[in-house]
Each structure stands twice: as C-alpha cells, then as structure tokens.
Protein backbone atom coordinates (compact mmCIF):
# COMPACT_ATOMS: atom_id res chain seq x y z
CA ARG A 1 121.35 107.89 87.77
CA LEU A 2 121.95 105.15 89.90
CA TRP A 3 121.40 104.31 93.66
CA TRP A 4 121.95 101.91 96.07
CA LEU A 5 119.42 100.74 98.60
CA ARG A 6 120.83 99.00 101.64
CA GLY A 7 119.12 96.45 103.53
CA LYS A 8 116.81 93.27 102.62
CA ARG A 9 114.13 93.65 104.40
CA GLN A 10 113.78 97.58 104.98
CA LEU A 11 115.58 99.80 102.59
CA THR A 12 117.54 101.86 104.96
CA GLU A 13 120.30 103.92 103.12
CA GLU A 14 120.09 105.54 99.75
CA ARG A 15 123.24 106.76 97.65
CA VAL A 16 123.33 108.20 94.34
CA ALA A 17 125.67 108.46 91.36
CA PHE A 18 125.63 109.33 87.72
CA THR A 19 127.05 107.25 84.98
CA ASP A 20 129.55 108.64 82.59
CA GLN A 21 129.26 108.44 78.83
CA GLU A 22 130.69 104.89 78.87
CA GLY A 23 128.19 103.91 81.59
CA MET A 24 130.74 103.68 84.50
CA PHE A 25 130.07 104.70 87.91
CA ARG A 26 131.74 104.99 91.34
CA LEU A 27 130.38 105.36 94.93
CA GLU A 28 132.76 105.98 97.96
CA ALA A 29 132.45 106.10 101.56
CA LEU A 30 129.55 103.34 102.00
CA THR A 31 128.64 101.77 104.98
CA PRO A 32 129.53 97.88 104.72
CA GLY A 33 126.63 95.69 104.06
CA ASP A 34 124.30 94.25 101.49
CA TYR A 35 122.88 96.62 98.65
CA ILE A 36 120.94 96.24 95.48
CA VAL A 37 120.83 98.99 92.80
CA GLY A 38 118.58 100.46 90.18
CA PHE A 39 118.72 102.85 87.20
CA GLN A 40 116.99 105.64 85.59
CA LYS A 41 117.47 107.86 82.78
CA LEU A 42 116.77 111.34 83.21
CA THR A 43 118.06 114.83 82.29
CA ILE A 44 120.62 116.77 84.51
CA GLU A 45 117.64 119.53 84.97
CA GLN A 46 115.54 116.59 86.52
CA ALA A 47 118.38 115.30 88.32
CA GLU A 48 118.93 118.56 90.00
CA ARG A 49 115.32 119.14 90.53
CA ASP A 50 114.10 115.94 92.29
CA SER A 51 115.03 113.05 94.73
CA PRO A 52 115.44 109.87 92.82
CA LEU A 53 112.48 108.10 94.86
CA ARG A 54 110.22 110.82 93.32
CA TYR A 55 110.41 109.07 89.87
CA PRO A 56 108.34 106.16 89.66
CA ARG A 57 109.91 104.64 86.64
CA VAL A 58 112.68 102.94 87.50
CA LEU A 59 114.78 100.25 85.65
CA TRP A 60 116.22 97.49 87.83
CA PRO A 61 118.77 95.14 86.43
CA SER A 62 116.58 91.96 86.39
CA SER A 63 113.63 90.85 84.72
CA ASN A 64 111.80 90.12 88.39
CA PRO A 65 112.74 92.69 90.89
CA ASP A 66 111.80 90.22 93.71
CA ASN A 67 115.07 88.62 92.70
CA VAL A 68 117.17 91.62 92.12
CA SER A 69 120.83 90.02 92.85
CA GLY A 70 122.64 92.11 95.07
CA PHE A 71 126.13 92.16 96.67
CA THR A 72 128.07 92.84 99.61
CA VAL A 73 130.29 95.83 100.33
CA ARG A 74 132.94 95.13 102.92
CA GLY A 75 135.01 97.69 104.53
CA GLY A 76 138.73 98.58 103.66
CA VAL A 77 138.46 97.15 100.13
CA GLU A 78 137.04 98.28 96.54
CA SER A 79 134.02 96.27 95.34
CA ASN A 80 133.42 95.60 91.64
CA ALA A 81 129.47 95.52 91.25
CA GLY A 82 129.92 94.13 87.74
CA THR A 83 127.93 94.84 84.66
CA PHE A 84 124.10 95.44 84.51
CA ASN A 85 121.92 94.99 81.40
CA TYR A 86 118.34 96.24 81.39
CA ALA A 87 115.61 96.27 78.77
CA ARG A 88 112.92 99.18 78.11
CA GLY A 89 109.21 98.23 77.79
CA THR A 90 105.82 99.64 78.24
CA PRO A 91 105.29 100.70 82.08
CA PRO A 92 102.34 98.65 83.86
CA LYS A 93 99.26 100.05 85.35
CA ILE A 94 97.08 99.36 88.04
CA ARG A 95 93.52 100.63 88.28
CA GLY A 96 90.34 99.74 89.82
CA ALA A 97 87.91 100.86 92.65
CA ALA A 98 87.64 100.48 96.29
CA GLY A 99 84.51 100.75 98.61
CA SER A 100 82.24 98.29 100.11
CA ASN A 101 82.13 99.22 103.80
CA CYS A 102 83.07 102.93 103.39
CA GLU A 103 80.51 105.40 102.57
CA ARG A 104 80.57 106.71 98.90
CA ASP A 105 82.66 109.89 98.27
CA VAL A 106 84.71 109.29 101.50
CA GLY A 107 88.36 109.94 100.77
CA TYR A 108 91.22 107.39 100.92
CA GLN A 109 94.54 107.15 100.42
CA ILE A 110 96.59 104.37 98.44
CA THR A 111 100.36 104.12 99.47
CA VAL A 112 102.35 102.23 96.88
CA HIS A 113 105.16 99.99 97.74
CA GLN A 114 107.44 98.04 95.45
CA ARG A 115 108.87 94.85 96.57
CA ILE A 116 112.72 95.16 95.38
CA GLY A 117 114.99 92.27 96.54
CA GLY A 118 112.58 91.11 99.18
CA ALA A 119 112.18 94.84 100.74
CA LEU A 120 109.33 97.37 100.49
CA MET A 121 110.44 100.55 98.81
CA LYS A 122 107.76 103.36 99.15
CA ARG A 123 106.90 104.53 95.65
CA GLN A 124 104.26 106.77 95.62
CA THR A 125 100.79 108.23 97.27
CA GLU A 126 97.41 108.24 95.34
CA ILE A 127 94.00 109.92 96.56
CA GLY A 128 90.66 108.84 95.79
CA GLN A 129 87.35 108.45 96.83
CA CYS A 130 85.18 105.04 97.97
CA GLY A 131 83.27 103.84 95.15
CA GLN A 132 85.26 105.99 92.52
CA PRO A 133 88.10 104.56 89.95
CA PHE A 134 91.59 104.79 90.65
CA ALA A 135 94.73 104.63 88.72
CA ILE A 136 98.14 104.13 89.44
CA THR A 137 100.59 104.44 86.41
CA ASP A 138 104.26 104.81 85.45
CA LEU A 139 105.15 101.51 87.31
CA SER A 140 108.13 99.26 86.93
CA PRO A 141 107.30 95.32 86.27
CA GLY A 142 107.58 93.71 89.64
CA THR A 143 105.53 93.14 92.77
CA TYR A 144 103.75 95.73 94.71
CA ARG A 145 101.82 96.34 97.98
CA LEU A 146 99.33 98.59 98.32
CA PHE A 147 97.75 100.03 101.65
CA PHE A 148 94.38 101.53 101.39
CA MET A 149 93.07 103.76 104.34
CA ALA A 150 90.12 105.95 104.69
CA VAL A 151 88.48 108.03 107.15
CA GLY A 152 85.07 109.34 107.78
CA ASP A 153 85.62 113.06 107.27
CA GLY A 154 87.38 113.59 103.96
CA VAL A 155 91.10 113.41 102.51
CA SER A 156 92.46 116.20 104.32
CA THR A 157 93.52 114.01 107.36
CA LEU A 158 95.29 111.42 105.26
CA ALA A 159 98.26 113.70 104.43
CA SER A 160 100.68 111.24 106.16
CA THR A 161 101.76 107.33 105.82
CA GLU A 162 101.21 107.42 109.56
CA MET A 163 97.84 106.42 110.60
CA SER A 164 95.73 108.40 112.82
CA GLY A 165 92.09 108.27 112.99
CA THR A 166 91.61 106.06 110.39
CA ARG A 167 88.41 103.89 110.11
CA PHE A 168 88.84 101.66 107.11
CA PHE A 169 91.76 99.65 105.85
CA ALA A 170 92.77 97.11 103.27
CA THR A 171 96.10 95.98 101.98
CA ALA A 172 97.08 93.60 98.61
CA GLU A 173 99.94 92.52 97.18
CA ILE A 174 99.89 92.62 93.46
CA ASN A 175 102.53 91.43 90.41
CA VAL A 176 102.35 93.48 87.32
CA ALA A 177 104.43 92.53 84.13
CA ASP A 178 105.67 94.70 81.41
CA GLY A 179 102.52 96.53 79.92
CA ALA A 180 100.20 95.12 82.18
CA ASP A 181 96.94 96.94 82.53
CA LEU A 182 95.62 95.18 85.98
CA ASP A 183 92.13 95.62 87.39
CA VAL A 184 91.90 95.70 90.94
CA GLN A 185 88.88 95.63 93.03
CA VAL A 186 89.38 96.25 96.96
CA LYS A 187 87.21 95.89 99.92
CA LEU A 188 87.84 98.41 102.57
CA VAL A 189 86.84 96.91 105.83
CA GLU A 190 86.88 98.07 109.58
CA ALA A 191 90.40 98.76 110.56
CA ALA A 192 91.33 96.61 113.69
CA GLY A 193 89.96 98.34 116.94
CA ILE A 194 92.21 98.60 120.05
CA THR A 195 91.40 99.86 123.35
CA GLY A 196 93.24 99.91 126.92
CA LYS A 197 94.50 101.76 129.81
CA VAL A 198 97.94 102.61 130.77
CA ILE A 199 98.34 102.02 134.61
CA CYS A 200 101.28 103.71 136.63
CA GLU A 201 102.51 102.06 139.73
CA CYS A 202 104.18 105.36 140.68
CA GLU A 203 104.61 108.38 143.12
CA LYS A 204 103.89 110.82 140.29
CA VAL A 205 100.86 110.20 138.59
CA GLN A 206 101.89 112.09 135.48
CA LEU A 207 102.59 109.68 132.63
CA ALA A 208 104.59 112.49 130.40
CA THR A 209 106.44 115.71 131.25
CA GLU A 210 105.52 117.82 128.03
CA ASP A 211 103.95 116.21 124.74
CA ARG A 212 100.93 114.20 125.39
CA PRO A 213 102.01 110.63 125.31
CA ASP A 214 100.68 108.14 122.48
CA ILE A 215 101.05 104.48 121.68
CA ARG A 216 102.62 103.40 118.15
CA PHE A 217 101.94 100.04 116.48
CA LEU A 218 104.60 98.72 114.03
CA ALA A 219 103.85 96.11 111.49
CA LEU A 220 106.12 93.24 111.87
CA GLU A 221 105.53 91.25 108.58
CA GLU A 222 105.49 94.30 106.18
CA ASN A 223 101.52 93.78 106.46
CA GLY A 224 100.47 97.69 107.55
CA LEU A 225 101.41 101.33 107.99
CA VAL A 226 102.58 102.75 111.50
CA SER A 227 99.50 103.52 113.43
CA LYS A 228 99.28 105.34 116.54
CA VAL A 229 96.69 106.22 119.44
CA GLU A 230 97.01 108.88 121.88
CA VAL A 231 96.69 108.34 125.46
CA ARG A 232 94.28 110.18 127.42
CA ASP A 233 94.95 111.96 130.73
CA ASP A 234 93.44 109.18 132.78
CA GLY A 235 95.64 106.73 130.96
CA THR A 236 93.05 105.30 128.68
CA PHE A 237 93.17 105.20 124.96
CA GLU A 238 91.15 103.95 122.03
CA GLY A 239 91.68 103.67 118.14
CA ARG A 240 92.23 101.72 115.00
CA VAL A 241 95.02 100.15 113.63
CA GLY A 242 96.20 99.89 109.90
CA ILE A 243 97.79 96.55 110.34
CA VAL A 244 96.72 93.10 109.38
CA GLY A 245 98.32 90.56 111.71
CA PRO A 246 101.35 90.88 114.36
CA ALA A 247 102.33 94.35 115.61
CA ARG A 248 104.84 95.52 117.81
CA VAL A 249 103.57 98.06 120.43
CA VAL A 250 105.97 101.25 121.22
CA LEU A 251 105.27 103.78 124.08
CA GLU A 252 106.50 107.28 122.89
CA ASN A 253 106.61 110.76 124.86
CA PHE A 254 106.30 109.03 128.16
CA ARG A 255 108.40 110.06 131.21
CA PRO A 256 112.04 109.07 131.03
CA ASP A 257 112.11 107.33 134.41
CA LEU A 258 109.09 104.85 133.52
CA TYR A 259 109.45 101.48 132.26
CA ILE A 260 106.72 98.95 131.20
CA LYS A 261 106.53 96.24 134.01
CA ARG A 262 103.54 94.34 132.79
CA PHE A 263 101.96 94.12 129.30
CA VAL A 264 98.65 92.11 128.88
CA TYR A 265 96.93 91.62 125.92
CA ALA A 266 93.53 90.17 125.26
CA GLY A 267 93.49 89.08 128.90
CA SER A 268 96.83 87.47 129.02
CA GLU A 269 100.44 88.68 129.80
CA ALA A 270 102.43 88.83 126.87
CA GLY A 271 105.52 90.33 125.09
CA HIS A 272 104.90 94.01 123.68
CA THR A 273 103.06 92.61 120.69
CA ILE A 274 99.23 92.46 119.45
CA THR A 275 97.76 90.65 116.63
CA ALA A 276 95.61 93.05 114.72
CA THR A 277 92.52 91.65 112.98
CA PRO A 278 90.15 93.77 110.71
CA GLY A 279 86.73 93.85 112.08
CA SER A 280 87.76 92.96 115.53
CA ASN A 281 88.38 94.72 118.77
CA ALA A 282 91.27 93.81 121.20
CA SER A 283 92.20 95.21 124.55
CA VAL A 284 95.74 95.94 126.12
CA GLU A 285 96.43 97.05 129.50
CA ILE A 286 100.17 98.40 130.09
CA THR A 287 101.65 98.76 133.55
CA MET A 288 104.48 101.23 134.14
CA ALA A 289 106.40 101.77 136.92
CA GLU A 290 109.07 103.87 137.98
CA GLY A 291 113.06 103.11 138.41
CA PRO A 292 114.36 101.50 135.11
CA ALA A 293 117.76 100.28 134.89
CA THR A 294 120.88 101.63 132.79
CA VAL A 295 123.72 99.61 131.21
CA LYS A 296 126.88 101.36 130.02
CA GLY A 297 130.45 100.25 129.16
CA ASN A 298 132.93 100.13 126.04
CA GLY A 299 131.92 98.36 123.02
CA GLY A 300 135.44 98.56 121.57
CA LYS A 301 135.46 98.71 117.77
CA SER A 302 131.77 97.21 117.33
CA ASP A 303 129.09 99.57 115.54
CA HIS A 304 126.24 99.01 117.88
CA VAL A 305 125.48 97.22 121.38
CA VAL A 306 122.31 95.39 121.27
CA ILE A 307 120.37 94.01 124.49
CA ALA A 308 117.19 91.90 124.95
CA LYS A 309 115.41 89.78 127.24
CA TRP A 310 115.90 86.04 126.80
CA PRO A 311 114.59 84.13 125.06
CA ILE A 312 113.94 86.90 122.78
CA THR A 313 110.35 87.76 122.02
CA ASP A 314 109.28 88.68 118.47
CA GLY A 315 112.71 90.14 117.76
CA ASP A 316 112.54 92.82 120.09
CA PHE A 317 115.74 94.39 121.25
CA GLU A 318 116.92 97.47 122.36
CA SER A 319 120.23 99.00 120.79
CA THR A 320 122.61 101.93 120.68
CA GLU A 321 125.60 103.20 118.78
CA VAL A 322 128.79 103.36 120.44
CA ASP A 323 130.56 106.64 120.25
CA LYS A 324 134.07 107.58 118.74
CA ASN A 325 135.77 106.14 121.93
CA GLY A 326 133.73 102.91 121.71
CA ASP A 327 131.60 104.13 124.79
CA PHE A 328 127.91 103.62 124.95
CA LYS A 329 124.85 103.57 127.38
CA ILE A 330 121.31 102.22 127.11
CA GLN A 331 118.81 103.69 129.44
CA ASN A 332 115.07 102.97 130.47
CA ILE A 333 115.55 99.15 130.68
CA ALA A 334 112.76 97.21 132.80
CA PRO A 335 114.45 95.25 135.46
CA GLY A 336 115.26 91.57 134.58
CA LYS A 337 117.46 88.86 132.98
CA TYR A 338 119.16 89.90 129.57
CA ARG A 339 121.74 89.16 127.18
CA ILE A 340 123.99 91.77 125.57
CA ALA A 341 126.11 91.87 122.52
CA ARG A 342 128.50 93.91 120.43
CA VAL A 343 127.39 94.18 116.88
CA GLY A 344 129.76 95.10 113.92
CA ALA A 345 128.88 97.45 111.19
CA GLU A 346 128.67 94.74 108.69
CA GLU A 347 126.34 92.70 111.15
CA TRP A 348 124.14 95.67 112.16
CA SER A 349 123.44 95.90 108.28
CA GLN A 350 121.60 92.58 108.64
CA LYS A 351 119.37 93.98 111.50
CA ASP A 352 116.13 93.51 109.58
CA LEU A 353 116.53 90.07 108.42
CA PRO A 354 114.40 87.43 110.44
CA ASN A 355 116.24 86.12 113.53
CA ALA A 356 118.95 88.49 113.32
CA ALA A 357 118.79 89.55 116.98
CA GLU A 358 118.65 85.84 117.95
CA GLN A 359 121.89 85.12 116.12
CA TRP A 360 123.73 87.79 117.88
CA LEU A 361 122.47 86.95 121.19
CA GLU A 362 122.51 83.34 121.10
CA SER A 363 125.94 83.03 123.09
CA ALA A 364 125.96 86.66 124.48
CA LEU A 365 127.00 87.98 127.71
CA GLU A 366 124.18 87.33 130.47
CA ILE A 367 123.27 90.00 132.94
CA THR A 368 120.57 90.68 135.53
CA LEU A 369 119.51 94.42 136.15
CA ALA A 370 117.58 95.51 139.15
CA ALA A 371 115.25 98.54 139.38
CA ARG A 372 117.45 102.01 139.33
CA GLU A 373 120.54 100.04 138.89
CA THR A 374 123.34 101.39 136.46
CA GLN A 375 125.41 98.43 135.67
CA THR A 376 128.76 98.73 133.91
CA ILE A 377 129.53 95.84 131.29
CA SER A 378 132.69 94.17 130.51
CA PHE A 379 132.65 92.36 127.12
CA LYS A 380 135.67 90.14 128.26
CA ALA A 381 133.14 87.58 129.59
CA ASN A 382 131.45 87.40 126.43
CA ARG A 383 131.71 84.22 124.61
CA GLN A 384 131.34 85.50 121.28
C-alpha cells in the first residue's frame, strides 16, 4: 500500500493505491501540488478493514524521514515518481514516565505526531497515569513530537485531540533510530492560563444566535494542540491553553453580523495572536462591533481568493474557494485597508509554508472596506 501526503507543514490530503506484483503503482485525479510518499506491507484483509493512518509501522523511502524527498504534481501532465527503495528493521520504542506537578494516578493523554518531510502527521494516541510508566511501540525511525495533557478528574475527558479543561501540559520532540529503546522522563507543568472578556459595542447584546460561543487557540509553530475555552453569557472566559509559544485566536459560534473591532492582549492592542507560556496567565480583551463588510467578484480560473490586512500579521488571512463560474464571496470582514489576490491550485497547495500569504499579497490589489459595505472586486487592476 502506498499513500501520498500533500503539503509540507501540514499533511492536508491523503490518497491510497496498491502496488501490483512488480511493485508498480498509479494514482489519478491528483490535486496539483507537492507530495511525499510512504509504504506499508499488509494483507488485503487488513487493507479493507482499516485506514492506512491506523497502522503505525510505515516504511518511508528514506533513512531519515525528516528529509523525505518529495516531488511536485502539475496539472494536465503525467508525473513519474521514480523508483523507491526501502529497508526493513527493528521498530524503535519510546518509553518513560510523565509526572512532577500533576498528582499521582491523574490520567493523561499522549498524542504522537511523526515529522515527515517537515510536516507533522498524527500517528497514535496513548493513555497513561501520572507517575506511571508509558510505552509507545511499533514506530518508524525518525523524529516525533509528543504532546502530553492531563486533567484533574481522570482520563474520561481526554477522548479528543482538542484540549478543553486541561490543567497540565508538556511537549517534547524526540529522534529515534532503528531498533532504539529510548527512555524519556517528562515533567508536566501547569498549562498556560488565559482569561478575558468579549465586549460587544452592539444594539443587540447577545453574542451568539444558538450555540454557545467559544474561543479556539491554534498553535502557529507546531508547538501544541488546538485548545478552546467557552465564553460565558456575560462575555467573560477563563481556561488553559495546551500550547507553548505563539497561537492564533479564532472566534467561533458568534453572530455572523459581528466582527472584531479591537483585540487587546496583555494590556496592548495587537493582532489576533497570543504567546502562551506554561505556568503563567495572560489576559485578552476582545471588542466586537456590528456591521462587517463583504467582498465579492469573479476570480476567473483561480482556485482560491485570499484577503488580509497589510502588512500581514502572523500570516493571518481569510480565504474562500471560487465556484465553477469563478465567482466568490468573503463575508464578516472588519472594516479597514486590505490586499486581495487570486491564488491558483498549485500556489494554494503551499499555503502552510512560512510567508506564503505574504508572497501572494506582496503586489496584490489594495482595497478599503467600510462598515456594512459590500464591495465588488475587479482583478483587472491587480498587478500580479
């Protein structure tokens, strides 16, 4: 079995094929972009029963998975991936214990990601108890990032990789060679605390229509797991973030006619990002207002249309796919000055690379949006 994993920072697309008796394979209807490839040997019964990502033992065509040589698939042409050779070996093992600040017998979850071609691929999840040994087996040689998270009331609340109610957190990046038996001792510390309030300068006081609004924190440097806190009826929120370093703040389930007017972090106005520091607490104040803007138009033969305030902050941008006629619409945009650009399918496949959005928008069309404005965009003036 062979599968392609698209993207360099995040593995965003998976395709599977089986080799024939001579080891040949073929995949069709691929989205243009960069790909890397891995192999597994398994029976037909196993292949029909399970997804390939369920199998931890992967044979990558490189002795060092961090440097897997990928290749680019271009639209309208047939690509030859070449010949791949790989060797078998003894699967490495990671074992150890996690503890320190968390109480003994408190449950924790280990989420295991392997770094493949520069991207992190989730491989498996293990459950353990603070102070008790753990073992992660059947791995491939390579580099792994482990995320540990623990709560105060047992393992039952750790069923998902999205953190909510987590008290303790740790992360570690580890390299294991073929046949290695690595002993790792992990110190769990208090996860970064976050408190704040959402203020609405609105005629209607409700922040949401149906579901309770929440705030999600997305790691910007592969340094944590998606974390969320719920927003109370009075707009206040409080929780912990399973991230070390910069994180983007995303508001969900808020009224669609609201936009972020002002974002204050640690007492200073900033972009929609925070820096999470384990063992410390930070405050955020978000001011919402009614009357976001909308942009629409025709993107022609492009794949996506992207828009961002300029200069761009932390790679933060909004995007939408164009429809079969090339038409697009992006809603709920805060008033202000922006750059907007069309992005082709091959360029879009690079969206997770550092500075990708900056490159798309460097010479893009500049627009100014007013509150409640719907602006129709013509890309004839675009200098790209």
